[in-house]
Amino acid sequence: MKLRCSTCGEEHDLDSGEIGYDLPDDYFALSAEERTARGKANTDLCELDGRHFIRGVLPIPVLGENRSFGWGVWAEVSPDAFRRYYELYSNPDQGSERPFPGALANSLPGYPETLGLLLSVQMVSAEDRPTLTVTSEHPLRGEQLGGIYPERVLELMSPWLHAESE
C-alpha cells in the first residue's frame, strides 16, 4: 500500500508497516560502558540493574487492510516471567502459556507518554515474538482495539521515513 505524504509530497510504501526499537529506553540511554557494567542485552532479552525486559510486537489493526501496523517494542516483566519466557524460548508450544503482565519500556511518538503503560504479554511461538496488548486506559489502547486508517500509519511512521532528510 502506498500513500502520498503530506510532509514531503512523496509516495511511501507502508507495506513494511512496523517500527522496531532495538533496546528498552532505559538501557539505550546509557553509555556503552554503563551498559556493560550494569546489564546485558541481545535482540530479544535485556537485563539492567536487576530489571528484566523482553521484546515483543504491539499490533494495531489497519482499517480496510488485511494486516496490522506493528510496534516492535520492549516490555519490562517480572523476574519469574522473564525466566519462564527464557525456558520456553525455543518451544513451539509456548503460545499455550497464559499471558503475563508487563509494562511498556519505550516511549512512542505520536501519543501521550507511553512509558510504563500496563501490558498483557502473550507468548506466541518459537518463531514469533510475544504479542503485547495495552491494558492501561490510553489512546494507544483505543487504537489497538479499534484500529487505525492507513493515513495514521503514515503519520506514525513519518519520523522514521523522514529521518534522513532532517
Foldseek 3Di string as FASTA:
>chain_A
DWDQDPVPRDIDDCVVQEDEDQDQPVLVPDDPVQCVVAWDDDRAWIDGNNWTKGWAWAWFAAPPDPGTRIYGFMWTFHPVVRVVCVVCLAPFPQQVDAWDKTFTRHAAPPFPGRGGFIWTWGCHGNVHGTYIAGPDPTVSNVRRVPPHHVVVSCVRCVCVVCVVVD
